[in-house]
Amino acid sequence: VELTNFAGTLAGSKDAAGVGVGLDVTVVEKTTEALVSLSPTGAATTLNAGGNVKVEALSVEDYFQLTANAGVGDSTSGAGSLNVLVNLTNTRAIAGRDNDNADPQTGNLIIDADGTVVVTADSETDIESYAGTLGVSLSGSSVGISIGVLVDLDETVAVIGDGAQVTGRGNQAADVRDGVYDAMGDQGVESVRGVAVVATSLDEITALAIAASASLGQQSSGGSSGGGGSSDSNNDISVAGSVTVVVHKGETKGIIGTGALINADNTGANAAQGILMRGVDNTNIDNFTGGLSFAYNGDGGLTGAVSVNVVENETWARALGDNTLTAAGAGVRGDARGATDINNLTISVAGVVSSGQSQGSGGTKFAGAGSVAVNLVTQEQLAEIGSGSTVSTPGARDLNAADESEIVADAGGAAVAISSGSNSNTAAVGISVVVNEVTSTTRARSIGTDVTADGGVNYAAVNSAKIDALSVAGVLSIANGGNAVGVAVGGAFNDLNLITQSGMDGGSIDTDGAVTVTATNDADIEVLAIGASLTLSNSSSGSS
């Protein structure tokens, strides 16, 4: 699916208000399935092949959204943009019993291939969503608001169903995806022999929302509003707000179902035959949110920028239990890898400048800017062989699970208030907050499984999640004829909840090689939070 959307408005008025509003709402539901289904009558579904058998589901989505709006007027003016994209995709390769299918499935699947049996699902999603607004008033208040909301729900599963009997002797090789992506997002391949169940998913999401607002305090003739020293207050303010919300939930699973028998009769197998279970998910999110407000000869500038990313991913390479897994020299492998990479930049800037020639030059001129960046990530990476299974191979039995996620979150808030009017006070507040929470379970294990592997047995679980957070807040408050107040708050809150496990839970191991059980937690957090305030007035001055 390829989708390109543009929406925009331009509103202008010489003597009145100008208002521009743009809206783009897109909902996509997509199911891609490659199925070898069971008979509802109880008869066996049988495939006999002298070469390879491939059950493959592929899905590609490419979306581009752009909404741009501007409102310009002599009096109060504003602009607003709203982008909403909901993407619901299911990419499924199922050989045998489909547990999501409510229809009767009383038969069984039998596959006998002299070559290689591959059940594979792969999905690629590329989303770009941009929203921008500009509100300008020449003599009144101005407002600019941009909102972007992305919801991406992605299921990518490759399944050999419960009770299936699958034999792939591996006398002909086949290519499967290896879950390794280059800088261009292209994925590599691996040549395998035997039986492979592989699910891979790549989601690349870019979200940007920018809002700008300016109240210029000018009459249509070009003079300062309220000139002549009138004591009436104009109460003009400039307000800008931008919000981006990204919600991604993914399931990427390579599964051998309960009771499935793989190469139970391995007569005639190629010496390089093996069994591969693989699930790999890569989720990359770039979220940029910015707000700018400015008021000249007005009373205030207010800006808020908020970005929220919520990610939940489950990545499996699992045999669910009661399985027979027999392979030749390439052994039995489980490979589960998850990586959520988030690059989040949130900036807000607010400014108010009073020349002292505007209406109501007394009172308080206020500038406030707030930036908030929130990233909530929940990950699960499981490479497992379930209870009651047997593994037999002259090669090795390897189970590997890894979380390679990384969050880079930067937030900045800056406020400037300057007044040269008599009896005029200034106040500036800048707030910047970053919140990161990562919960991850990474597990490589066998449960109640009897393993015979002459080439050795390896369990490896690695969590190398990284968080890099920067929060900066700064204010400048200057009052030439009154008091100046400045408040700056920069904060970063980070929480890592990590479970990293590997090993055997019951069962037995018989090997001529080594047994290695490794669990590695190499997570890292780097945080810097800064708040700086400078205030100057004709009666006092200071900095902190």
Protein backbone atom coordinates (compact mmCIF):
# COMPACT_ATOMS: atom_id res chain seq x y z
CA VAL A 1 0.00 0.00 0.00
CA GLU A 2 1.33 3.43 -0.94
CA LEU A 3 -0.50 6.52 0.26
CA THR A 4 0.30 10.24 -0.14
CA ASN A 5 -1.92 12.88 1.48
CA PHE A 6 -1.69 16.68 1.40
CA ALA A 7 -3.99 19.07 3.25
CA GLY A 8 -3.58 22.79 3.77
CA THR A 9 -5.26 26.14 4.15
CA LEU A 10 -4.18 29.77 3.86
CA ALA A 11 -6.46 32.40 5.36
CA GLY A 12 -5.76 36.12 5.29
CA SER A 13 -7.67 39.28 6.16
CA LYS A 14 -6.57 42.89 5.90
CA ASP A 15 -9.02 44.36 8.40
CA ALA A 16 -10.36 41.34 10.33
CA ALA A 17 -9.37 37.96 11.67
CA GLY A 18 -7.67 35.25 9.65
CA VAL A 19 -8.25 31.62 10.60
CA GLY A 20 -6.84 28.53 8.85
CA VAL A 21 -7.64 24.95 9.88
CA GLY A 22 -6.46 21.73 8.20
CA LEU A 23 -7.47 18.16 8.98
CA ASP A 24 -6.24 14.81 7.64
CA VAL A 25 -7.61 11.55 9.08
CA THR A 26 -6.56 8.24 7.49
CA VAL A 27 -7.40 4.71 8.60
CA VAL A 28 -5.90 1.67 6.86
CA GLU A 29 -6.78 -1.94 7.64
CA LYS A 30 -4.80 -4.58 5.77
CA THR A 31 -4.49 -8.35 6.03
CA THR A 32 -1.96 -10.36 4.03
CA GLU A 33 -2.08 -14.13 4.47
CA ALA A 34 -0.32 -17.14 2.99
CA LEU A 35 -2.17 -20.20 4.25
CA VAL A 36 -1.97 -23.96 4.00
CA SER A 37 -5.20 -24.63 5.82
CA LEU A 38 -6.63 -27.75 7.35
CA SER A 39 -9.65 -29.60 6.09
CA PRO A 40 -12.84 -29.10 8.12
CA THR A 41 -13.82 -32.73 7.42
CA GLY A 42 -11.02 -34.41 9.35
CA ALA A 43 -9.02 -35.52 6.32
CA ALA A 44 -5.28 -34.85 6.35
CA THR A 45 -3.86 -32.05 4.22
CA THR A 46 -0.78 -33.56 2.53
CA LEU A 47 2.05 -31.93 0.58
CA ASN A 48 4.77 -34.08 -0.99
CA ALA A 49 7.53 -32.19 -2.81
CA GLY A 50 10.75 -33.25 -4.49
CA GLY A 51 12.08 -29.71 -3.99
CA ASN A 52 11.35 -26.87 -1.60
CA VAL A 53 8.06 -25.84 -0.01
CA LYS A 54 7.63 -22.14 0.75
CA VAL A 55 4.70 -20.48 2.51
CA GLU A 56 5.42 -16.76 2.39
CA ALA A 57 3.46 -13.61 3.32
CA LEU A 58 4.94 -10.21 2.43
CA SER A 59 3.50 -6.80 3.21
CA VAL A 60 4.79 -3.29 2.46
CA GLU A 61 3.20 0.01 3.54
CA ASP A 62 4.45 3.47 2.59
CA TYR A 63 2.54 6.50 3.92
CA PHE A 64 3.19 10.23 3.60
CA GLN A 65 1.05 12.90 5.30
CA LEU A 66 1.52 16.67 5.14
CA THR A 67 -0.81 19.24 6.65
CA ALA A 68 0.18 22.91 6.56
CA ASN A 69 -2.01 25.84 7.59
CA ALA A 70 -1.62 29.57 8.10
CA GLY A 71 -3.94 32.29 9.38
CA VAL A 72 -2.98 35.95 9.05
CA GLY A 73 -5.18 38.89 10.03
CA ASP A 74 -5.25 42.37 11.43
CA SER A 75 -7.17 41.30 14.52
CA THR A 76 -7.16 38.05 16.49
CA SER A 77 -5.99 35.25 14.16
CA GLY A 78 -5.18 31.59 14.38
CA ALA A 79 -4.30 28.37 12.59
CA GLY A 80 -4.65 24.72 13.46
CA SER A 81 -3.46 21.41 11.98
CA LEU A 82 -4.49 17.88 12.89
CA ASN A 83 -3.00 14.72 11.40
CA VAL A 84 -4.38 11.33 12.40
CA LEU A 85 -3.14 8.07 10.89
CA VAL A 86 -4.27 4.63 12.07
CA ASN A 87 -2.51 1.67 10.46
CA LEU A 88 -3.73 -1.85 11.26
CA THR A 89 -1.80 -4.61 9.49
CA ASN A 90 -1.77 -8.38 9.81
CA THR A 91 0.87 -10.33 7.89
CA ARG A 92 0.49 -14.06 8.47
CA ALA A 93 2.09 -17.18 7.03
CA ILE A 94 0.36 -20.24 8.50
CA ALA A 95 1.08 -23.88 7.70
CA GLY A 96 -1.49 -26.06 9.40
CA ARG A 97 -3.77 -25.28 12.30
CA ASP A 98 -4.58 -21.59 12.68
CA ASN A 99 -5.50 -20.82 16.27
CA ASP A 100 -6.98 -17.46 15.20
CA ASN A 101 -9.43 -19.18 12.87
CA ALA A 102 -12.79 -19.88 14.48
CA ASP A 103 -13.85 -22.30 11.71
CA PRO A 104 -13.65 -26.07 12.39
CA GLN A 105 -10.14 -27.49 11.85
CA THR A 106 -10.29 -31.21 12.54
CA GLY A 107 -7.68 -32.47 10.09
CA ASN A 108 -3.90 -32.32 10.24
CA LEU A 109 -1.07 -31.11 8.02
CA ILE A 110 1.62 -33.42 6.65
CA ILE A 111 4.48 -31.95 4.60
CA ASP A 112 7.24 -34.14 3.16
CA ALA A 113 9.88 -32.28 1.14
CA ASP A 114 13.21 -33.51 -0.17
CA GLY A 115 14.29 -29.87 -0.16
CA THR A 116 13.67 -27.17 2.47
CA VAL A 117 10.38 -26.15 4.09
CA VAL A 118 10.14 -22.40 4.75
CA VAL A 119 7.26 -20.64 6.49
CA THR A 120 8.01 -16.92 6.50
CA ALA A 121 6.27 -13.59 7.08
CA ASP A 122 7.85 -10.19 6.52
CA SER A 123 6.40 -6.70 6.90
CA GLU A 124 7.86 -3.28 6.20
CA THR A 125 6.09 -0.08 7.21
CA ASP A 126 7.34 3.44 6.43
CA ILE A 127 5.28 6.33 7.83
CA GLU A 128 6.02 10.03 7.50
CA SER A 129 3.58 12.48 9.05
CA TYR A 130 4.15 16.25 9.15
CA ALA A 131 1.89 18.96 10.59
CA GLY A 132 2.66 22.68 10.68
CA THR A 133 0.74 25.84 11.56
CA LEU A 134 1.38 29.58 11.61
CA GLY A 135 -0.90 32.16 13.20
CA VAL A 136 -0.09 35.88 12.83
CA SER A 137 -2.02 38.88 14.09
CA LEU A 138 -0.96 42.40 13.27
CA SER A 139 -2.75 44.02 16.20
CA GLY A 140 -4.48 41.36 18.30
CA SER A 141 -3.90 37.95 19.81
CA SER A 142 -2.67 34.98 17.77
CA VAL A 143 -2.91 31.22 18.16
CA GLY A 144 -1.15 28.33 16.40
CA ILE A 145 -1.81 24.68 17.23
CA SER A 146 -0.46 21.51 15.58
CA ILE A 147 -1.40 17.95 16.58
CA GLY A 148 -0.15 14.70 15.11
CA VAL A 149 -1.42 11.27 16.17
CA LEU A 150 -0.04 7.99 14.77
CA VAL A 151 -1.33 4.55 15.73
CA ASP A 152 0.46 1.55 14.21
CA LEU A 153 -0.71 -1.95 15.17
CA ASP A 154 1.35 -4.59 13.39
CA GLU A 155 1.09 -8.37 13.60
CA THR A 156 3.70 -10.39 11.68
CA VAL A 157 3.61 -14.12 12.38
CA ALA A 158 4.97 -17.27 10.77
CA VAL A 159 3.53 -20.47 12.22
CA ILE A 160 3.81 -24.21 11.79
CA GLY A 161 0.53 -25.18 13.41
CA ASP A 162 -0.24 -27.42 16.33
CA GLY A 163 0.22 -31.11 15.62
CA ALA A 164 1.68 -30.61 12.13
CA GLN A 165 4.09 -33.22 10.76
CA VAL A 166 6.75 -31.48 8.72
CA THR A 167 9.84 -33.00 7.13
CA GLY A 168 12.39 -31.00 5.16
CA ARG A 169 15.45 -33.08 4.32
CA GLY A 170 17.38 -30.08 3.09
CA ASN A 171 18.74 -31.56 -0.12
CA GLN A 172 17.96 -28.21 -1.73
CA ALA A 173 18.79 -24.92 0.01
CA ALA A 174 16.50 -21.91 0.39
CA ASP A 175 17.07 -18.27 1.33
CA VAL A 176 15.38 -16.75 4.37
CA ARG A 177 15.59 -13.25 5.82
CA ASP A 178 18.22 -12.82 8.51
CA GLY A 179 16.72 -9.84 10.36
CA VAL A 180 19.82 -7.69 9.82
CA TYR A 181 19.04 -4.31 8.26
CA ASP A 182 21.48 -1.89 6.67
CA ALA A 183 21.31 1.91 6.85
CA MET A 184 18.87 1.98 3.92
CA GLY A 185 16.50 -0.46 5.61
CA ASP A 186 17.39 -3.35 3.31
CA GLN A 187 17.45 -6.76 4.95
CA GLY A 188 19.98 -9.51 4.37
CA VAL A 189 19.33 -13.17 3.66
CA GLU A 190 20.69 -16.46 4.90
CA SER A 191 20.85 -19.76 3.05
CA VAL A 192 19.36 -22.64 5.05
CA ARG A 193 18.56 -26.30 4.63
CA GLY A 194 15.84 -28.22 6.42
CA VAL A 195 12.91 -26.44 8.11
CA ALA A 196 12.69 -22.71 8.89
CA VAL A 197 9.93 -20.62 10.43
CA VAL A 198 10.85 -16.93 10.21
CA ALA A 199 9.01 -13.68 11.04
CA THR A 200 10.67 -10.29 10.49
CA SER A 201 9.28 -6.78 10.83
CA LEU A 202 10.61 -3.27 10.18
CA ASP A 203 8.66 -0.15 11.19
CA GLU A 204 10.11 3.26 10.40
CA ILE A 205 8.02 6.14 11.72
CA THR A 206 8.73 9.86 11.39
CA ALA A 207 6.40 12.33 13.10
CA LEU A 208 6.79 16.10 13.13
CA ALA A 209 4.51 18.81 14.50
CA ILE A 210 5.46 22.48 14.55
CA ALA A 211 3.32 25.40 15.67
CA ALA A 212 4.24 29.09 15.49
CA SER A 213 2.31 32.15 16.59
CA ALA A 214 3.09 35.86 16.44
CA SER A 215 1.21 38.87 17.77
CA LEU A 216 2.93 41.91 16.33
CA GLY A 217 1.07 44.71 18.14
CA GLN A 218 0.74 46.91 15.05
CA GLN A 219 -2.23 48.95 13.83
CA SER A 220 -3.07 48.67 10.17
CA SER A 221 -1.24 51.97 9.68
CA GLY A 222 1.91 50.36 11.02
CA GLY A 223 2.10 52.14 14.38
CA SER A 224 2.16 50.49 17.76
CA SER A 225 -1.29 49.48 18.92
CA GLY A 226 -2.58 51.85 21.57
CA GLY A 227 -0.04 54.59 20.76
CA GLY A 228 -0.43 57.92 22.45
CA GLY A 229 0.00 56.51 25.91
CA SER A 230 -3.60 55.43 26.46
CA SER A 231 -3.99 53.60 29.72
CA ASP A 232 -6.32 50.93 28.27
CA SER A 233 -4.83 47.48 28.27
CA ASN A 234 -4.83 45.60 24.98
CA ASN A 235 -4.43 42.15 26.59
CA ASP A 236 -2.89 40.72 23.42
CA ILE A 237 -1.16 37.36 23.76
CA SER A 238 0.52 34.89 21.47
CA VAL A 239 -0.14 31.18 22.00
CA ALA A 240 1.49 28.21 20.24
CA GLY A 241 1.01 24.54 21.02
CA SER A 242 2.19 21.35 19.35
CA VAL A 243 1.56 17.73 20.31
CA THR A 244 2.68 14.48 18.74
CA VAL A 245 1.57 11.06 19.94
CA VAL A 246 2.93 7.83 18.48
CA VAL A 247 1.48 4.49 19.57
CA HIS A 248 3.02 1.32 18.16
CA LYS A 249 2.15 -2.21 19.12
CA GLY A 250 3.82 -5.09 17.33
CA GLU A 251 3.90 -8.87 17.39
CA THR A 252 6.67 -10.56 15.42
CA LYS A 253 6.64 -14.29 16.01
CA GLY A 254 8.19 -17.38 14.47
CA ILE A 255 6.36 -20.30 16.08
CA ILE A 256 6.34 -24.09 15.95
CA GLY A 257 3.01 -25.06 17.46
CA THR A 258 2.26 -27.43 20.30
CA GLY A 259 2.74 -31.09 19.40
CA ALA A 260 4.28 -30.36 15.98
CA LEU A 261 6.77 -32.98 14.81
CA ILE A 262 9.70 -31.66 12.77
CA ASN A 263 11.79 -34.22 10.84
CA ALA A 264 10.49 -37.06 13.00
CA ASP A 265 11.71 -39.49 10.31
CA ASN A 266 14.96 -37.98 9.14
CA THR A 267 16.03 -40.67 6.71
CA GLY A 268 17.88 -39.22 3.73
CA ALA A 269 18.58 -35.84 5.32
CA ASN A 270 21.35 -33.64 3.98
CA ALA A 271 24.36 -33.41 6.29
CA ALA A 272 23.80 -29.62 6.56
CA GLN A 273 20.12 -29.89 7.43
CA GLY A 274 18.87 -27.86 10.40
CA ILE A 275 15.85 -26.32 12.09
CA LEU A 276 15.55 -22.54 12.45
CA MET A 277 13.03 -20.53 14.47
CA ARG A 278 13.43 -16.77 14.11
CA GLY A 279 11.60 -13.63 15.14
CA VAL A 280 13.18 -10.20 14.59
CA ASP A 281 11.56 -6.80 15.11
CA ASN A 282 13.06 -3.40 14.39
CA THR A 283 11.02 -0.32 15.32
CA ASN A 284 12.54 3.08 14.56
CA ILE A 285 10.72 6.26 15.64
CA ASP A 286 11.83 9.83 14.95
CA ASN A 287 9.55 12.28 16.75
CA PHE A 288 10.14 16.03 16.44
CA THR A 289 7.86 18.52 18.17
CA GLY A 290 8.32 22.29 18.34
CA GLY A 291 6.44 25.41 19.38
CA LEU A 292 7.29 29.11 19.00
CA SER A 293 5.28 32.10 20.20
CA PHE A 294 6.17 35.78 20.12
CA ALA A 295 4.27 38.87 21.23
CA TYR A 296 5.45 42.39 20.50
CA ASN A 297 3.88 45.11 22.61
CA GLY A 298 1.50 42.51 23.95
CA ASP A 299 0.99 40.99 27.34
CA GLY A 300 2.25 37.46 26.97
CA GLY A 301 3.67 34.63 24.96
CA LEU A 302 2.78 31.02 25.81
CA THR A 303 4.18 27.90 24.17
CA GLY A 304 3.77 24.24 24.90
CA ALA A 305 5.32 21.25 23.10
CA VAL A 306 4.53 17.67 24.09
CA SER A 307 5.67 14.45 22.46
CA VAL A 308 4.62 10.98 23.60
CA ASN A 309 5.82 7.63 22.25
CA VAL A 310 4.25 4.40 23.49
CA VAL A 311 5.72 1.15 22.16
CA GLU A 312 4.83 -2.47 22.96
CA ASN A 313 6.60 -5.24 21.06
CA GLU A 314 6.57 -9.02 21.42
CA THR A 315 9.23 -10.93 19.51
CA TRP A 316 9.28 -14.72 19.62
CA ALA A 317 11.23 -17.66 18.29
CA ARG A 318 9.45 -20.49 20.05
CA ALA A 319 8.51 -24.15 19.93
CA LEU A 320 5.49 -24.21 22.20
CA GLY A 321 5.91 -27.70 23.65
CA ASP A 322 5.48 -31.45 23.12
CA ASN A 323 7.59 -31.10 19.98
CA THR A 324 9.98 -33.47 18.24
CA LEU A 325 12.83 -31.45 16.72
CA THR A 326 15.31 -33.56 14.75
CA ALA A 327 18.08 -32.07 12.62
CA ALA A 328 21.40 -32.99 11.03
CA GLY A 329 24.64 -31.02 11.22
CA ALA A 330 23.20 -27.47 11.15
CA GLY A 331 21.49 -28.16 14.47
CA VAL A 332 18.46 -26.50 16.04
CA ARG A 333 18.42 -22.71 16.44
CA GLY A 334 16.11 -20.19 18.08
CA ASP A 335 16.79 -16.52 17.31
CA ALA A 336 14.68 -13.74 18.92
CA ARG A 337 15.85 -10.15 18.55
CA GLY A 338 14.04 -6.91 19.32
CA ALA A 339 15.22 -3.32 18.85
CA THR A 340 13.17 -0.19 19.45
CA ASP A 341 15.12 2.93 18.57
CA ILE A 342 13.52 6.28 19.46
CA ASN A 343 14.94 9.69 18.59
CA ASN A 344 12.79 12.31 20.32
CA LEU A 345 13.37 16.07 20.13
CA THR A 346 10.93 18.49 21.80
CA ILE A 347 11.51 22.26 21.86
CA SER A 348 9.38 25.21 22.95
CA VAL A 349 10.27 28.90 22.84
CA ALA A 350 8.15 31.83 24.06
CA GLY A 351 8.94 35.51 23.95
CA VAL A 352 7.27 38.81 24.79
CA VAL A 353 8.83 42.22 24.13
CA SER A 354 7.25 45.49 25.21
CA SER A 355 8.72 48.74 23.93
CA GLY A 356 6.94 50.89 26.48
CA GLN A 357 4.89 52.62 23.77
CA SER A 358 1.98 50.19 23.81
CA GLN A 359 -1.32 50.39 25.64
CA GLY A 360 -1.09 49.32 29.22
CA SER A 361 2.69 49.50 29.39
CA GLY A 362 2.29 48.85 33.11
CA GLY A 363 1.27 45.51 34.54
CA THR A 364 3.18 42.27 34.01
CA LYS A 365 4.52 40.90 30.76
CA PHE A 366 4.68 37.12 30.86
CA ALA A 367 6.48 34.51 28.78
CA GLY A 368 6.03 30.81 29.45
CA ALA A 369 7.47 27.81 27.59
CA GLY A 370 7.08 24.16 28.46
CA SER A 371 8.44 21.04 26.78
CA VAL A 372 7.60 17.48 27.76
CA ALA A 373 8.95 14.31 26.13
CA VAL A 374 7.60 10.92 27.26
CA ASN A 375 8.80 7.54 25.99
CA LEU A 376 7.22 4.33 27.31
CA VAL A 377 8.64 1.10 25.89
CA THR A 378 7.65 -2.48 26.74
CA GLN A 379 9.60 -5.27 25.04
CA GLU A 380 9.58 -9.07 25.11
CA GLN A 381 12.15 -11.28 23.36
CA LEU A 382 11.69 -15.02 23.83
CA ALA A 383 13.77 -17.84 22.33
CA GLU A 384 12.27 -20.95 23.90
CA ILE A 385 11.55 -24.64 23.52
CA GLY A 386 8.53 -25.67 25.54
CA SER A 387 7.85 -28.48 27.96
CA GLY A 388 7.72 -32.09 26.85
CA SER A 389 9.88 -31.57 23.76
CA THR A 390 12.83 -33.60 22.51
CA VAL A 391 15.75 -32.27 20.50
CA SER A 392 18.14 -34.55 18.63
CA THR A 393 21.01 -33.39 16.41
CA PRO A 394 24.68 -34.16 15.75
CA GLY A 395 25.08 -30.39 15.51
CA ALA A 396 24.52 -27.71 18.13
CA ARG A 397 21.38 -26.50 19.90
CA ASP A 398 21.45 -22.69 20.16
CA LEU A 399 18.87 -20.38 21.73
CA ASN A 400 19.62 -16.66 21.51
CA ALA A 401 17.51 -13.71 22.66
CA ALA A 402 18.52 -10.05 22.55
CA ASP A 403 17.10 -6.58 23.22
CA GLU A 404 19.07 -3.88 21.42
CA SER A 405 16.79 -0.88 22.06
CA GLU A 406 17.98 2.72 22.33
CA ILE A 407 16.22 5.94 23.33
CA VAL A 408 17.64 9.40 22.70
CA ALA A 409 15.33 12.04 24.19
CA ASP A 410 16.12 15.77 24.20
CA ALA A 411 13.77 18.47 25.48
CA GLY A 412 14.26 22.21 25.76
CA GLY A 413 12.14 25.08 27.01
CA ALA A 414 13.14 28.76 26.70
CA ALA A 415 11.21 31.88 27.71
CA VAL A 416 12.15 35.54 27.24
CA ALA A 417 10.25 38.52 28.68
CA ILE A 418 11.54 42.07 28.10
CA SER A 419 9.84 45.33 28.95
CA SER A 420 11.10 48.91 28.89
CA GLY A 421 7.81 50.47 29.97
CA SER A 422 7.35 52.35 33.21
CA ASN A 423 5.78 50.42 36.08
CA SER A 424 5.98 47.28 34.02
CA ASN A 425 7.04 43.95 35.49
CA THR A 426 8.26 40.87 33.65
CA ALA A 427 7.97 37.18 34.43
CA ALA A 428 9.48 34.30 32.45
CA VAL A 429 9.01 30.59 33.12
CA GLY A 430 10.75 27.79 31.26
CA ILE A 431 10.07 24.11 31.96
CA SER A 432 11.60 21.05 30.34
CA VAL A 433 10.81 17.48 31.36
CA VAL A 434 11.94 14.14 29.92
CA VAL A 435 10.40 10.84 31.05
CA ASN A 436 11.72 7.48 29.82
CA GLU A 437 10.50 4.09 30.97
CA VAL A 438 11.69 0.79 29.53
CA THR A 439 10.35 -2.60 30.61
CA SER A 440 11.98 -5.55 28.88
CA THR A 441 12.00 -9.33 29.27
CA THR A 442 14.72 -11.17 27.35
CA ARG A 443 14.77 -14.92 27.79
CA ALA A 444 16.56 -17.90 26.16
CA ARG A 445 15.56 -21.19 27.75
CA SER A 446 14.25 -24.71 27.38
CA ILE A 447 11.52 -25.98 29.67
CA GLY A 448 11.33 -29.68 30.50
CA THR A 449 13.12 -30.57 27.27
CA ASP A 450 15.43 -33.51 26.62
CA VAL A 451 18.31 -32.40 24.41
CA THR A 452 20.82 -34.57 22.58
CA ALA A 453 23.22 -32.32 20.69
CA ASP A 454 26.69 -33.62 19.93
CA GLY A 455 27.88 -30.15 18.86
CA GLY A 456 27.11 -28.48 22.18
CA VAL A 457 24.29 -26.52 23.80
CA ASN A 458 24.16 -22.75 24.08
CA TYR A 459 21.73 -20.41 25.86
CA ALA A 460 22.39 -16.67 25.48
CA ALA A 461 20.22 -13.75 26.61
CA VAL A 462 21.54 -10.21 26.18
CA ASN A 463 19.96 -6.87 27.05
CA SER A 464 21.87 -3.84 25.84
CA ALA A 465 19.13 -1.19 26.14
CA LYS A 466 20.39 2.41 26.18
CA ILE A 467 18.83 5.68 27.34
CA ASP A 468 20.38 9.09 26.58
CA ALA A 469 18.32 11.97 28.01
CA LEU A 470 18.92 15.73 27.89
CA SER A 471 16.63 18.30 29.50
CA VAL A 472 17.41 22.02 29.26
CA ALA A 473 15.34 24.97 30.49
CA GLY A 474 16.36 28.62 30.31
CA VAL A 475 14.72 31.99 30.93
CA LEU A 476 15.60 35.65 30.50
CA SER A 477 13.48 38.28 32.27
CA ILE A 478 14.31 42.00 31.92
CA ALA A 479 12.26 44.90 33.33
CA ASN A 480 13.51 48.41 32.83
CA GLY A 481 10.81 50.04 34.92
CA GLY A 482 9.74 47.35 37.35
CA ASN A 483 10.51 43.96 38.81
CA ALA A 484 11.74 40.90 36.93
CA VAL A 485 11.10 37.26 37.83
CA GLY A 486 12.53 34.18 36.14
CA VAL A 487 11.97 30.49 36.85
CA ALA A 488 13.68 27.63 35.00
CA VAL A 489 13.08 23.93 35.69
CA GLY A 490 14.83 21.10 33.89
CA GLY A 491 14.12 17.50 34.88
CA ALA A 492 14.71 13.98 33.59
CA PHE A 493 13.09 10.83 34.97
CA ASN A 494 14.28 7.42 33.78
CA ASP A 495 13.23 3.93 34.78
CA LEU A 496 14.62 0.62 33.52
CA ASN A 497 12.87 -2.62 34.47
CA LEU A 498 14.83 -5.45 32.90
CA ILE A 499 14.58 -9.22 33.18
CA THR A 500 17.34 -11.11 31.39
CA GLN A 501 17.36 -14.90 31.78
CA SER A 502 18.88 -17.91 30.11
CA GLY A 503 19.14 -21.62 30.88
CA MET A 504 17.20 -24.83 31.26
CA ASP A 505 14.19 -25.32 33.46
CA GLY A 506 14.04 -29.08 33.93
CA GLY A 507 14.74 -31.69 31.28
CA SER A 508 18.13 -33.12 30.34
CA ILE A 509 21.16 -32.42 28.16
CA ASP A 510 23.41 -35.01 26.56
CA THR A 511 26.29 -33.58 24.52
CA ASP A 512 29.86 -34.26 23.49
CA GLY A 513 30.46 -30.53 23.29
CA ALA A 514 30.23 -27.64 25.73
CA VAL A 515 27.18 -26.34 27.55
CA THR A 516 27.10 -22.53 27.80
CA VAL A 517 24.52 -20.53 29.74
CA THR A 518 24.95 -16.76 29.48
CA ALA A 519 22.76 -13.90 30.66
CA THR A 520 24.18 -10.42 30.05
CA ASN A 521 22.69 -7.11 31.14
CA ASP A 522 24.62 -4.30 29.51
CA ALA A 523 22.00 -1.57 29.85
CA ASP A 524 23.16 2.04 30.18
CA ILE A 525 21.59 5.40 31.14
CA GLU A 526 23.12 8.81 30.54
CA VAL A 527 21.23 11.85 31.80
CA LEU A 528 21.84 15.61 31.86
CA ALA A 529 19.29 18.11 33.22
CA ILE A 530 19.97 21.86 33.27
CA GLY A 531 17.93 24.85 34.42
CA ALA A 532 19.22 28.43 34.06
CA SER A 533 17.56 31.75 34.88
CA LEU A 534 18.73 35.33 34.37
CA THR A 535 16.69 38.29 35.67
CA LEU A 536 17.52 41.98 35.34
CA SER A 537 15.58 45.00 36.56
CA ASN A 538 16.24 48.63 37.34
CA SER A 539 15.82 47.90 41.04
CA SER A 540 17.62 44.55 41.30
CA SER A 541 19.62 42.15 39.22
CA GLY A 542 20.74 38.61 39.70
CA SER A 543 21.32 35.30 38.11
CA SER A 544 20.97 31.71 39.20
